[in-house]
PDB file of N, CA and C in Angstrom:
ATOM      1  N   ASP A   1      24.120  62.420  49.760  1.00  0.00           N
ATOM      2  CA  ASP A   1      23.936  63.668  48.920  1.00  0.00           C
ATOM      3  C   ASP A   1      23.524  63.809  47.564  1.00  0.00           C
ATOM      4  N   TYR A   2      24.156  62.767  46.933  1.00  0.00           N
ATOM      5  CA  TYR A   2      23.871  62.913  45.352  1.00  0.00           C
ATOM      6  C   TYR A   2      22.619  62.544  45.240  1.00  0.00           C
ATOM      7  N   ILE A   3      22.149  61.536  45.949  1.00  0.00           N
ATOM      8  CA  ILE A   3      20.833  61.116  45.860  1.00  0.00           C
ATOM      9  C   ILE A   3      19.391  62.260  46.003  1.00  0.00           C
ATOM     10  N   VAL A   4      20.029  63.050  46.814  1.00  0.00           N
ATOM     11  CA  VAL A   4      19.319  64.320  47.154  1.00  0.00           C
ATOM     12  C   VAL A   4      19.356  65.288  46.444  1.00  0.00           C
ATOM     13  N   ARG A   5      20.407  65.678  45.777  1.00  0.00           N
ATOM     14  CA  ARG A   5      20.817  66.493  44.454  1.00  0.00           C
ATOM     15  C   ARG A   5      19.831  66.177  43.442  1.00  0.00           C
ATOM     16  N   CYS A   6      20.122  64.513  43.277  1.00  0.00           N
ATOM     17  CA  CYS A   6      19.286  64.275  41.798  1.00  0.00           C
ATOM     18  C   CYS A   6      17.824  64.578  41.934  1.00  0.00           C
ATOM     19  N   MET A   7      17.347  64.328  43.111  1.00  0.00           N
ATOM     20  CA  MET A   7      15.967  64.473  43.274  1.00  0.00           C
ATOM     21  C   MET A   7      15.411  66.116  43.517  1.00  0.00           C
ATOM     22  N   GLU A   8      16.467  66.746  43.844  1.00  0.00           N
ATOM     23  CA  GLU A   8      16.352  67.937  43.688  1.00  0.00           C
ATOM     24  C   GLU A   8      16.332  68.595  42.184  1.00  0.00           C
ATOM     25  N   TRP A   9      17.353  68.183  41.510  1.00  0.00           N
ATOM     26  CA  TRP A   9      16.847  68.278  40.316  1.00  0.00           C
ATOM     27  C   TRP A   9      15.867  67.773  39.416  1.00  0.00           C
ATOM     28  N   ILE A  10      14.998  67.046  39.984  1.00  0.00           N
ATOM     29  CA  ILE A  10      14.153  66.482  39.237  1.00  0.00           C
ATOM     30  C   ILE A  10      12.812  67.209  39.513  1.00  0.00           C
ATOM     31  N   ASP A  11      12.830  67.957  40.898  1.00  0.00           N
ATOM     32  CA  ASP A  11      12.012  68.534  41.191  1.00  0.00           C
ATOM     33  C   ASP A  11      11.816  70.010  40.698  1.00  0.00           C
ATOM     34  N   ASP A  12      12.971  70.709  40.495  1.00  0.00           N
ATOM     35  CA  ASP A  12      13.276  71.694  39.592  1.00  0.00           C
ATOM     36  C   ASP A  12      12.846  71.702  38.694  1.00  0.00           C
ATOM     37  N   TYR A  13      13.157  70.572  37.283  1.00  0.00           N
ATOM     38  CA  TYR A  13      12.579  70.207  36.415  1.00  0.00           C
ATOM     39  C   TYR A  13      11.030  70.171  36.562  1.00  0.00           C
ATOM     40  N   VAL A  14      10.178  69.491  37.384  1.00  0.00           N
ATOM     41  CA  VAL A  14       8.870  68.995  37.176  1.00  0.00           C
ATOM     42  C   VAL A  14       8.088  70.573  37.582  1.00  0.00           C
ATOM     43  N   GLN A  15       9.009  71.376  38.738  1.00  0.00           N
ATOM     44  CA  GLN A  15       7.995  72.727  38.718  1.00  0.00           C
ATOM     45  C   GLN A  15       8.041  73.802  37.746  1.00  0.00           C
ATOM     46  N   SER A  16       9.212  73.543  36.882  1.00  0.00           N
ATOM     47  CA  SER A  16       9.281  74.332  35.749  1.00  0.00           C
ATOM     48  C   SER A  16       8.627  73.999  34.681  1.00  0.00           C
ATOM     49  N   LYS A  17       7.735  72.955  34.937  1.00  0.00           N
ATOM     50  CA  LYS A  17       6.986  72.647  33.689  1.00  0.00           C
ATOM     51  C   LYS A  17       5.329  72.998  33.792  1.00  0.00           C
ATOM     52  N   SER A  18       4.796  74.089  33.413  1.00  0.00           N
ATOM     53  CA  SER A  18       3.349  74.403  34.079  1.00  0.00           C
ATOM     54  C   SER A  18       2.320  73.012  34.003  1.00  0.00           C
ATOM     55  N   GLU A  19       2.715  72.403  33.268  1.00  0.00           N
ATOM     56  CA  GLU A  19       1.708  71.118  33.159  1.00  0.00           C
ATOM     57  C   GLU A  19       2.257  70.172  34.150  1.00  0.00           C
ATOM     58  N   ASN A  20       3.283  70.299  34.849  1.00  0.00           N
ATOM     59  CA  ASN A  20       3.398  69.204  35.784  1.00  0.00           C
ATOM     60  C   ASN A  20       3.477  69.546  37.139  1.00  0.00           C
ATOM     61  N   LYS A  21       2.667  70.642  37.419  1.00  0.00           N
ATOM     62  CA  LYS A  21       2.550  70.911  39.066  1.00  0.00           C
ATOM     63  C   LYS A  21       2.324  70.368  39.927  1.00  0.00           C
ATOM     64  N   ASP A  22       1.062  69.431  39.670  1.00  0.00           N
ATOM     65  CA  ASP A  22       0.703  68.244  40.567  1.00  0.00           C
ATOM     66  C   ASP A  22       1.773  66.992  40.668  1.00  0.00           C
ATOM     67  N   LEU A  23       2.638  67.360  39.929  1.00  0.00           N
ATOM     68  CA  LEU A  23       3.695  65.937  40.013  1.00  0.00           C
ATOM     69  C   LEU A  23       4.760  66.569  41.517  1.00  0.00           C
ATOM     70  N   HIS A  24       4.900  67.647  41.837  1.00  0.00           N
ATOM     71  CA  HIS A  24       5.780  67.792  43.061  1.00  0.00           C
ATOM     72  C   HIS A  24       5.322  66.737  44.266  1.00  0.00           C
ATOM     73  N   SER A  25       3.878  66.798  44.650  1.00  0.00           N
ATOM     74  CA  SER A  25       3.950  66.145  45.745  1.00  0.00           C
ATOM     75  C   SER A  25       3.960  64.681  45.533  1.00  0.00           C
ATOM     76  N   LEU A  26       4.144  63.773  44.117  1.00  0.00           N
ATOM     77  CA  LEU A  26       4.728  62.635  44.158  1.00  0.00           C
ATOM     78  C   LEU A  26       6.666  62.648  44.184  1.00  0.00           C
ATOM     79  N   VAL A  27       6.710  63.691  44.007  1.00  0.00           N
ATOM     80  CA  VAL A  27       8.495  63.700  44.003  1.00  0.00           C
ATOM     81  C   VAL A  27       8.363  63.763  45.531  1.00  0.00           C
ATOM     82  N   LEU A  28       7.883  64.628  46.018  1.00  0.00           N
ATOM     83  CA  LEU A  28       8.048  64.474  47.837  1.00  0.00           C
ATOM     84  C   LEU A  28       7.613  63.147  48.369  1.00  0.00           C
ATOM     85  N   ASN A  29       6.683  62.321  47.586  1.00  0.00           N
ATOM     86  CA  ASN A  29       6.279  61.038  48.171  1.00  0.00           C
ATOM     87  C   ASN A  29       7.368  59.936  47.626  1.00  0.00           C
ATOM     88  N   ARG A  30       8.309  60.060  46.890  1.00  0.00           N
ATOM     89  CA  ARG A  30       9.579  59.523  46.640  1.00  0.00           C
ATOM     90  C   ARG A  30      10.619  59.528  47.685  1.00  0.00           C
ATOM     91  N   MET A  31      10.533  61.259  48.010  1.00  0.00           N
ATOM     92  CA  MET A  31      11.526  61.456  49.057  1.00  0.00           C
ATOM     93  C   MET A  31      11.296  60.806  50.409  1.00  0.00           C
ATOM     94  N   LEU A  32      10.094  60.336  50.614  1.00  0.00           N
ATOM     95  CA  LEU A  32      10.005  59.457  51.872  1.00  0.00           C
ATOM     96  C   LEU A  32      10.692  58.234  51.679  1.00  0.00           C
ATOM     97  N   TYR A  33      10.456  57.488  50.463  1.00  0.00           N
ATOM     98  CA  TYR A  33      11.220  56.340  50.569  1.00  0.00           C
ATOM     99  C   TYR A  33      12.898  56.771  50.828  1.00  0.00           C
ATOM    100  N   VAL A  34      13.426  57.427  50.171  1.00  0.00           N
ATOM    101  CA  VAL A  34      14.998  57.911  50.235  1.00  0.00           C
ATOM    102  C   VAL A  34      14.976  57.955  51.770  1.00  0.00           C
ATOM    103  N   VAL A  35      14.214  58.657  52.281  1.00  0.00           N
ATOM    104  CA  VAL A  35      14.500  58.702  53.743  1.00  0.00           C
ATOM    105  C   VAL A  35      14.532  57.674  54.405  1.00  0.00           C
ATOM    106  N   CYS A  36      13.182  56.769  54.312  1.00  0.00           N
ATOM    107  CA  CYS A  36      13.434  55.248  54.953  1.00  0.00           C
ATOM    108  C   CYS A  36      14.820  54.416  54.403  1.00  0.00           C
ATOM    109  N   THR A  37      15.166  54.597  53.436  1.00  0.00           N
ATOM    110  CA  THR A  37      16.497  53.690  53.057  1.00  0.00           C
ATOM    111  C   THR A  37      17.717  54.642  53.438  1.00  0.00           C
ATOM    112  N   THR A  38      17.622  55.670  53.531  1.00  0.00           N
ATOM    113  CA  THR A  38      19.187  56.486  54.169  1.00  0.00           C
ATOM    114  C   THR A  38      19.242  56.142  55.483  1.00  0.00           C
ATOM    115  N   ALA A  39      17.988  56.310  56.353  1.00  0.00           N
ATOM    116  CA  ALA A  39      17.647  56.117  57.786  1.00  0.00           C
ATOM    117  C   ALA A  39      18.476  54.460  58.146  1.00  0.00           C
ATOM    118  N   ILE A  40      17.663  53.329  57.257  1.00  0.00           N
ATOM    119  CA  ILE A  40      17.656  51.915  57.786  1.00  0.00           C
ATOM    120  C   ILE A  40      19.439  51.173  56.933  1.00  0.00           C
ATOM    121  N   THR A  41      19.035  51.328  55.786  1.00  0.00           N
ATOM    122  CA  THR A  41      20.465  50.710  55.211  1.00  0.00           C
ATOM    123  C   THR A  41      21.637  51.673  54.923  1.00  0.00           C
ATOM    124  N   GLY A  42      21.203  53.008  55.012  1.00  0.00           N
ATOM    125  CA  GLY A  42      22.607  53.999  55.039  1.00  0.00           C
ATOM    126  C   GLY A  42      23.112  54.239  56.293  1.00  0.00           C
ATOM    127  N   CYS A  43      22.557  55.292  56.577  1.00  0.00           N
ATOM    128  CA  CYS A  43      22.975  55.978  58.022  1.00  0.00           C
ATOM    129  C   CYS A  43      23.503  55.210  59.478  1.00  0.00           C
ATOM    130  N   PHE A  44      22.240  54.413  59.456  1.00  0.00           N
ATOM    131  CA  PHE A  44      22.304  53.402  60.764  1.00  0.00           C
ATOM    132  C   PHE A  44      22.224  51.915  60.282  1.00  0.00           C
ATOM    133  N   ASN A  45      23.074  51.956  59.382  1.00  0.00           N
ATOM    134  CA  ASN A  45      23.326  50.718  59.037  1.00  0.00           C
ATOM    135  C   ASN A  45      24.420  49.998  59.843  1.00  0.00           C
ATOM    136  N   PRO A  46      24.094  48.662  60.619  1.00  0.00           N
ATOM    137  CA  PRO A  46      25.165  47.982  61.964  1.00  0.00           C
ATOM    138  C   PRO A  46      26.275  47.501  61.003  1.00  0.00           C
ATOM    139  N   ASP A  47      26.464  47.214  59.857  1.00  0.00           N
ATOM    140  CA  ASP A  47      27.967  47.124  59.243  1.00  0.00           C
ATOM    141  C   ASP A  47      28.432  48.161  59.237  1.00  0.00           C
ATOM    142  N   SER A  48      28.378  49.309  59.536  1.00  0.00           N
ATOM    143  CA  SER A  48      29.259  50.650  59.150  1.00  0.00           C
ATOM    144  C   SER A  48      30.033  50.782  60.476  1.00  0.00           C
ATOM    145  N   SER A  49      31.171  51.238  60.334  1.00  0.00           N
ATOM    146  CA  SER A  49      32.392  51.475  61.122  1.00  0.00           C
ATOM    147  C   SER A  49      32.250  52.518  61.960  1.00  0.00           C
ATOM    148  N   LEU A  50      31.018  53.648  61.646  1.00  0.00           N
ATOM    149  CA  LEU A  50      31.279  54.632  62.343  1.00  0.00           C
ATOM    150  C   LEU A  50      30.309  54.366  63.813  1.00  0.00           C
ATOM    151  N   SER A  51      30.696  55.233  64.653  1.00  0.00           N
ATOM    152  CA  SER A  51      29.869  55.285  65.938  1.00  0.00           C
ATOM    153  C   SER A  51      28.324  55.299  65.998  1.00  0.00           C
ATOM    154  N   TYR A  52      27.994  55.357  66.984  1.00  0.00           N
ATOM    155  CA  TYR A  52      26.389  55.862  66.880  1.00  0.00           C
ATOM    156  C   TYR A  52      26.198  57.446  66.758  1.00  0.00           C
ATOM    157  N   LEU A  53      27.134  58.021  67.568  1.00  0.00           N
ATOM    158  CA  LEU A  53      27.013  59.548  67.544  1.00  0.00           C
ATOM    159  C   LEU A  53      27.320  60.234  65.834  1.00  0.00           C
ATOM    160  N   GLU A  54      28.654  59.375  65.318  1.00  0.00           N
ATOM    161  CA  GLU A  54      28.651  59.809  63.781  1.00  0.00           C
ATOM    162  C   GLU A  54      27.641  59.303  63.042  1.00  0.00           C
ATOM    163  N   LYS A  55      26.929  58.404  63.382  1.00  0.00           N
ATOM    164  CA  LYS A  55      25.822  58.121  62.272  1.00  0.00           C
ATOM    165  C   LYS A  55      24.330  59.300  62.520  1.00  0.00           C
ATOM    166  N   VAL A  56      24.485  59.514  63.679  1.00  0.00           N
ATOM    167  CA  VAL A  56      23.426  60.604  64.016  1.00  0.00           C
ATOM    168  C   VAL A  56      23.731  61.657  63.310  1.00  0.00           C
ATOM    169  N   SER A  57      24.864  62.162  63.556  1.00  0.00           N
ATOM    170  CA  SER A  57      25.497  63.529  62.613  1.00  0.00           C
ATOM    171  C   SER A  57      25.674  63.320  61.169  1.00  0.00           C
ATOM    172  N   MET A  58      25.563  62.455  60.492  1.00  0.00           N
ATOM    173  CA  MET A  58      25.359  62.270  59.284  1.00  0.00           C
ATOM    174  C   MET A  58      24.130  62.440  58.770  1.00  0.00           C
ATOM    175  N   PHE A  59      23.043  61.368  59.394  1.00  0.00           N
ATOM    176  CA  PHE A  59      21.689  61.483  59.296  1.00  0.00           C
ATOM    177  C   PHE A  59      21.044  63.238  59.381  1.00  0.00           C
ATOM    178  N   GLU A  60      21.628  63.624  60.561  1.00  0.00           N
ATOM    179  CA  GLU A  60      21.321  65.130  60.694  1.00  0.00           C
ATOM    180  C   GLU A  60      21.533  65.823  59.453  1.00  0.00           C
ATOM    181  N   ARG A  61      22.840  65.803  59.284  1.00  0.00           N
ATOM    182  CA  ARG A  61      23.099  66.451  58.013  1.00  0.00           C
ATOM    183  C   ARG A  61      22.118  65.891  56.472  1.00  0.00           C
ATOM    184  N   PHE A  62      21.738  64.682  56.503  1.00  0.00           N
ATOM    185  CA  PHE A  62      21.032  64.309  56.044  1.00  0.00           C
ATOM    186  C   PHE A  62      19.494  65.015  55.821  1.00  0.00           C
ATOM    187  N   LEU A  63      19.279  65.111  57.025  1.00  0.00           N
ATOM    188  CA  LEU A  63      17.908  65.601  57.169  1.00  0.00           C
ATOM    189  C   LEU A  63      17.824  67.376  57.276  1.00  0.00           C
ATOM    190  N   ASP A  64      19.025  67.761  56.965  1.00  0.00           N
ATOM    191  CA  ASP A  64      18.953  69.290  56.856  1.00  0.00           C
ATOM    192  C   ASP A  64      18.803  69.772  55.357  1.00  0.00           C
ATOM    193  N   HIS A  65      18.722  68.933  54.211  1.00  0.00           N
ATOM    194  CA  HIS A  65      18.323  69.341  52.998  1.00  0.00           C
ATOM    195  C   HIS A  65      17.164  70.126  52.819  1.00  0.00           C
ATOM    196  N   LYS A  66      16.797  70.743  51.956  1.00  0.00           N
ATOM    197  CA  LYS A  66      15.407  71.598  52.303  1.00  0.00           C
ATOM    198  C   LYS A  66      14.413  70.547  51.688  1.00  0.00           C
ATOM    199  N   LEU A  67      14.711  69.897  50.458  1.00  0.00           N
ATOM    200  CA  LEU A  67      13.599  69.024  49.926  1.00  0.00           C
ATOM    201  C   LEU A  67      13.363  67.748  50.935  1.00  0.00           C
ATOM    202  N   VAL A  68      14.546  67.145  51.855  1.00  0.00           N
ATOM    203  CA  VAL A  68      13.944  66.463  52.510  1.00  0.00           C
ATOM    204  C   VAL A  68      13.480  67.197  53.857  1.00  0.00           C
ATOM    205  N   GLN A  69      13.346  67.968  54.386  1.00  0.00           N
ATOM    206  CA  GLN A  69      12.982  68.520  55.488  1.00  0.00           C
ATOM    207  C   GLN A  69      11.004  68.686  54.728  1.00  0.00           C
ATOM    208  N   GLU A  70      11.140  69.141  53.492  1.00  0.00           N
ATOM    209  CA  GLU A  70       9.890  69.521  53.092  1.00  0.00           C
ATOM    210  C   GLU A  70       9.068  68.134  52.800  1.00  0.00           C
ATOM    211  N   ALA A  71       9.627  67.076  52.420  1.00  0.00           N
ATOM    212  CA  ALA A  71       9.344  66.020  52.153  1.00  0.00           C
ATOM    213  C   ALA A  71       8.768  65.234  53.655  1.00  0.00           C
ATOM    214  N   VAL A  72       9.397  65.495  54.523  1.00  0.00           N
ATOM    215  CA  VAL A  72       8.939  64.728  55.969  1.00  0.00           C
ATOM    216  C   VAL A  72       7.971  65.486  56.328  1.00  0.00           C
ATOM    217  N   GLN A  73       7.797  66.507  55.832  1.00  0.00           N
ATOM    218  CA  GLN A  73       6.760  67.417  56.669  1.00  0.00           C
ATOM    219  C   GLN A  73       5.410  67.476  56.218  1.00  0.00           C
ATOM    220  N   ASN A  74       5.817  67.511  54.738  1.00  0.00           N
ATOM    221  CA  ASN A  74       4.290  67.922  53.677  1.00  0.00           C
ATOM    222  C   ASN A  74       4.228  66.828  53.050  1.00  0.00           C
ATOM    223  N   ALA A  75       4.980  65.595  52.881  1.00  0.00           N
ATOM    224  CA  ALA A  75       4.561  64.529  51.693  1.00  0.00           C
ATOM    225  C   ALA A  75       3.298  63.998  52.085  1.00  0.00           C
ATOM    226  N   PRO A  76       2.722  63.470  51.135  1.00  0.00           N
ATOM    227  CA  PRO A  76       1.567  62.779  51.357  1.00  0.00           C
ATOM    228  C   PRO A  76       2.250  61.213  51.529  1.00  0.00           C
ATOM    229  N   ARG A  77       1.324  60.687  52.712  1.00  0.00           N
ATOM    230  CA  ARG A  77       1.832  59.212  52.963  1.00  0.00           C
ATOM    231  C   ARG A  77       1.438  58.352  52.447  1.00  0.00           C
ATOM    232  N   LYS A  78       0.260  58.593  51.344  1.00  0.00           N
ATOM    233  CA  LYS A  78      -0.406  57.522  50.352  1.00  0.00           C
ATOM    234  C   LYS A  78       0.814  56.791  49.987  1.00  0.00           C
ATOM    235  N   GLY A  79      -0.232  55.445  50.242  1.00  0.00           N
ATOM    236  CA  GLY A  79       0.927  53.982  49.573  1.00  0.00           C
ATOM    237  C   GLY A  79       2.251  53.739  50.173  1.00  0.00           C
ATOM    238  N   LEU A  80       2.484  54.438  51.543  1.00  0.00           N
ATOM    239  CA  LEU A  80       3.714  53.788  52.459  1.00  0.00           C
ATOM    240  C   LEU A  80       2.918  52.603  52.944  1.00  0.00           C
ATOM    241  N   ASN A  81       3.862  51.656  53.397  1.00  0.00           N
ATOM    242  CA  ASN A  81       3.475  50.273  54.273  1.00  0.00           C
ATOM    243  C   ASN A  81       3.743  50.841  55.778  1.00  0.00           C
ATOM    244  N   LYS A  82       3.220  50.213  56.520  1.00  0.00           N
ATOM    245  CA  LYS A  82       3.481  50.379  57.941  1.00  0.00           C
ATOM    246  C   LYS A  82       4.595  50.648  58.461  1.00  0.00           C
ATOM    247  N   GLN A  83       5.661  50.013  57.916  1.00  0.00           N
ATOM    248  CA  GLN A  83       7.210  50.107  58.261  1.00  0.00           C
ATOM    249  C   GLN A  83       7.383  51.517  58.107  1.00  0.00           C
ATOM    250  N   ARG A  84       7.440  51.454  57.190  1.00  0.00           N
ATOM    251  CA  ARG A  84       8.141  53.066  56.426  1.00  0.00           C
ATOM    252  C   ARG A  84       7.123  54.337  57.469  1.00  0.00           C
ATOM    253  N   ARG A  85       5.947  54.076  57.565  1.00  0.00           N
ATOM    254  CA  ARG A  85       5.427  54.917  58.263  1.00  0.00           C
ATOM    255  C   ARG A  85       5.849  54.946  59.825  1.00  0.00           C
ATOM    256  N   ILE A  86       6.199  54.015  60.335  1.00  0.00           N
ATOM    257  CA  ILE A  86       7.125  53.989  61.614  1.00  0.00           C
ATOM    258  C   ILE A  86       8.168  54.683  61.811  1.00  0.00           C
ATOM    259  N   ILE A  87       9.089  54.259  60.830  1.00  0.00           N
ATOM    260  CA  ILE A  87      10.214  55.096  60.404  1.00  0.00           C
ATOM    261  C   ILE A  87      10.522  56.577  60.469  1.00  0.00           C
ATOM    262  N   LEU A  88       9.058  57.008  59.329  1.00  0.00           N
ATOM    263  CA  LEU A  88       9.147  58.481  59.156  1.00  0.00           C
ATOM    264  C   LEU A  88       8.960  58.577  60.627  1.00  0.00           C
ATOM    265  N   TYR A  89       7.626  58.319  61.378  1.00  0.00           N
ATOM    266  CA  TYR A  89       7.445  58.963  62.937  1.00  0.00           C
ATOM    267  C   TYR A  89       8.795  59.002  63.719  1.00  0.00           C
ATOM    268  N   LEU A  90       9.278  57.921  63.552  1.00  0.00           N
ATOM    269  CA  LEU A  90      10.696  58.092  64.402  1.00  0.00           C
ATOM    270  C   LEU A  90      11.750  59.031  63.826  1.00  0.00           C
ATOM    271  N   VAL A  91      11.978  59.301  62.509  1.00  0.00           N
ATOM    272  CA  VAL A  91      12.550  60.509  62.126  1.00  0.00           C
ATOM    273  C   VAL A  91      12.022  61.681  62.620  1.00  0.00           C
ATOM    274  N   GLU A  92      10.555  61.909  62.483  1.00  0.00           N
ATOM    275  CA  GLU A  92      10.080  63.352  62.777  1.00  0.00           C
ATOM    276  C   GLU A  92      10.355  63.773  64.346  1.00  0.00           C
ATOM    277  N   LYS A  93      10.273  62.641  65.205  1.00  0.00           N
ATOM    278  CA  LYS A  93      10.330  62.397  66.667  1.00  0.00           C
ATOM    279  C   LYS A  93      11.756  62.318  67.202  1.00  0.00           C
ATOM    280  N   ARG A  94      12.981  62.373  66.044  1.00  0.00           N
ATOM    281  CA  ARG A  94      14.289  62.280  66.304  1.00  0.00           C
ATOM    282  C   ARG A  94      14.585  61.201  67.408  1.00  0.00           C
ATOM    283  N   PHE A  95      13.757  59.972  67.018  1.00  0.00           N
ATOM    284  CA  PHE A  95      14.302  58.962  68.139  1.00  0.00           C
ATOM    285  C   PHE A  95      15.315  57.910  67.265  1.00  0.00           C
ATOM    286  N   PHE A  96      16.309  58.331  67.318  1.00  0.00           N
ATOM    287  CA  PHE A  96      17.468  57.618  66.473  1.00  0.00           C
ATOM    288  C   PHE A  96      18.052  56.774  66.695  1.00  0.00           C
ATOM    289  N   ARG A  97      17.915  56.178  68.525  1.00  0.00           N
ATOM    290  CA  ARG A  97      18.270  54.883  68.928  1.00  0.00           C
ATOM    291  C   ARG A  97      17.156  54.012  68.330  1.00  0.00           C
ATOM    292  N   LEU A  98      16.048  54.335  68.157  1.00  0.00           N
ATOM    293  CA  LEU A  98      14.855  53.261  67.797  1.00  0.00           C
ATOM    294  C   LEU A  98      15.203  52.798  65.933  1.00  0.00           C
ATOM    295  N   ILE A  99      15.841  54.163  65.636  1.00  0.00           N
ATOM    296  CA  ILE A  99      15.905  54.029  64.145  1.00  0.00           C
ATOM    297  C   ILE A  99      17.454  53.005  63.953  1.00  0.00           C
ATOM    298  N   ASN A 100      18.259  53.192  64.779  1.00  0.00           N
ATOM    299  CA  ASN A 100      19.382  52.111  64.737  1.00  0.00           C
ATOM    300  C   ASN A 100      19.035  51.083  65.374  1.00  0.00           C
ATOM    301  N   LEU A 101      18.275  50.889  66.496  1.00  0.00           N
ATOM    302  CA  LEU A 101      17.723  49.104  66.211  1.00  0.00           C
ATOM    303  C   LEU A 101      16.835  48.616  65.292  1.00  0.00           C
ATOM    304  N   LEU A 102      16.334  49.171  64.608  1.00  0.00           N
ATOM    305  CA  LEU A 102      15.200  48.708  63.335  1.00  0.00           C
ATOM    306  C   LEU A 102      16.564  48.760  62.122  1.00  0.00           C
ATOM    307  N   GLY A 103      17.270  49.174  62.264  1.00  0.00           N
ATOM    308  CA  GLY A 103      18.498  48.813  61.133  1.00  0.00           C
ATOM    309  C   GLY A 103      19.236  47.642  61.308  1.00  0.00           C
ATOM    310  N   TRP A 104      19.347  47.418  62.871  1.00  0.00           N
ATOM    311  CA  TRP A 104      20.216  46.018  63.069  1.00  0.00           C
ATOM    312  C   TRP A 104      18.996  45.150  62.865  1.00  0.00           C
ATOM    313  N   MET A 105      17.397  45.204  63.404  1.00  0.00           N
ATOM    314  CA  MET A 105      16.648  44.078  63.071  1.00  0.00           C
ATOM    315  C   MET A 105      16.784  43.654  61.523  1.00  0.00           C
ATOM    316  N   ARG A 106      16.637  44.998  60.768  1.00  0.00           N
ATOM    317  CA  ARG A 106      16.319  44.563  59.410  1.00  0.00           C
ATOM    318  C   ARG A 106      17.800  43.747  58.605  1.00  0.00           C
ATOM    319  N   LYS A 107      18.986  44.088  59.353  1.00  0.00           N
ATOM    320  CA  LYS A 107      20.241  43.195  58.652  1.00  0.00           C
ATOM    321  C   LYS A 107      19.903  41.761  59.147  1.00  0.00           C
ATOM    322  N   LYS A 108      19.286  41.856  60.201  1.00  0.00           N
ATOM    323  CA  LYS A 108      18.787  40.225  60.582  1.00  0.00           C
ATOM    324  C   LYS A 108      17.827  39.643  59.728  1.00  0.00           C
ATOM    325  N   GLN A 109      17.092  40.728  59.464  1.00  0.00           N
ATOM    326  CA  GLN A 109      16.065  39.901  58.553  1.00  0.00           C
ATOM    327  C   GLN A 109      16.905  39.565  57.365  1.00  0.00           C
ATOM    328  N   LEU A 110      17.227  39.759  56.790  1.00  0.00           N
ATOM    329  CA  LEU A 110      18.145  39.745  55.569  1.00  0.00           C
ATOM    330  C   LEU A 110      18.836  38.896  55.465  1.00  0.00           C
ATOM    331  N   GLU A 111      19.510  38.830  56.944  1.00  0.00           N
ATOM    332  CA  GLU A 111      20.498  37.316  57.040  1.00  0.00           C
ATOM    333  C   GLU A 111      19.741  35.793  56.970  1.00  0.00           C
ATOM    334  N   HIS A 112      18.531  35.955  57.585  1.00  0.00           N
ATOM    335  CA  HIS A 112      17.795  34.783  57.636  1.00  0.00           C
ATOM    336  C   HIS A 112      16.625  34.577  56.862  1.00  0.00           C
ATOM    337  N   LYS A 113      16.725  34.907  55.214  1.00  0.00           N
ATOM    338  CA  LYS A 113      15.721  35.068  54.188  1.00  0.00           C
ATOM    339  C   LYS A 113      15.821  33.840  53.676  1.00  0.00           C
TER     340      LYS A 113
END
């Protein structure tokens, strides 16, 4: 919630400045990175002691934020790598079991660096 509130403050500031109107799409693009990170290393982190249903509930609460919804629905995907685009597709389709699996895979990837 804290990072979303910070991003909302930045977005409000950007939109209040007439010369910065075009920066709103950049804020939304950055929110996509926040969504991916929150999904994989936050809510669906395999080290979390929460049950799968608790993880889903926590992530759905995160997705309920207005700025998160706007980013997932409208943000330009320019500059995102394939991994993040896949995560965002899974988020849009609500395939939380696959996101949970990606979280586990990411943990294994980091363990074997």
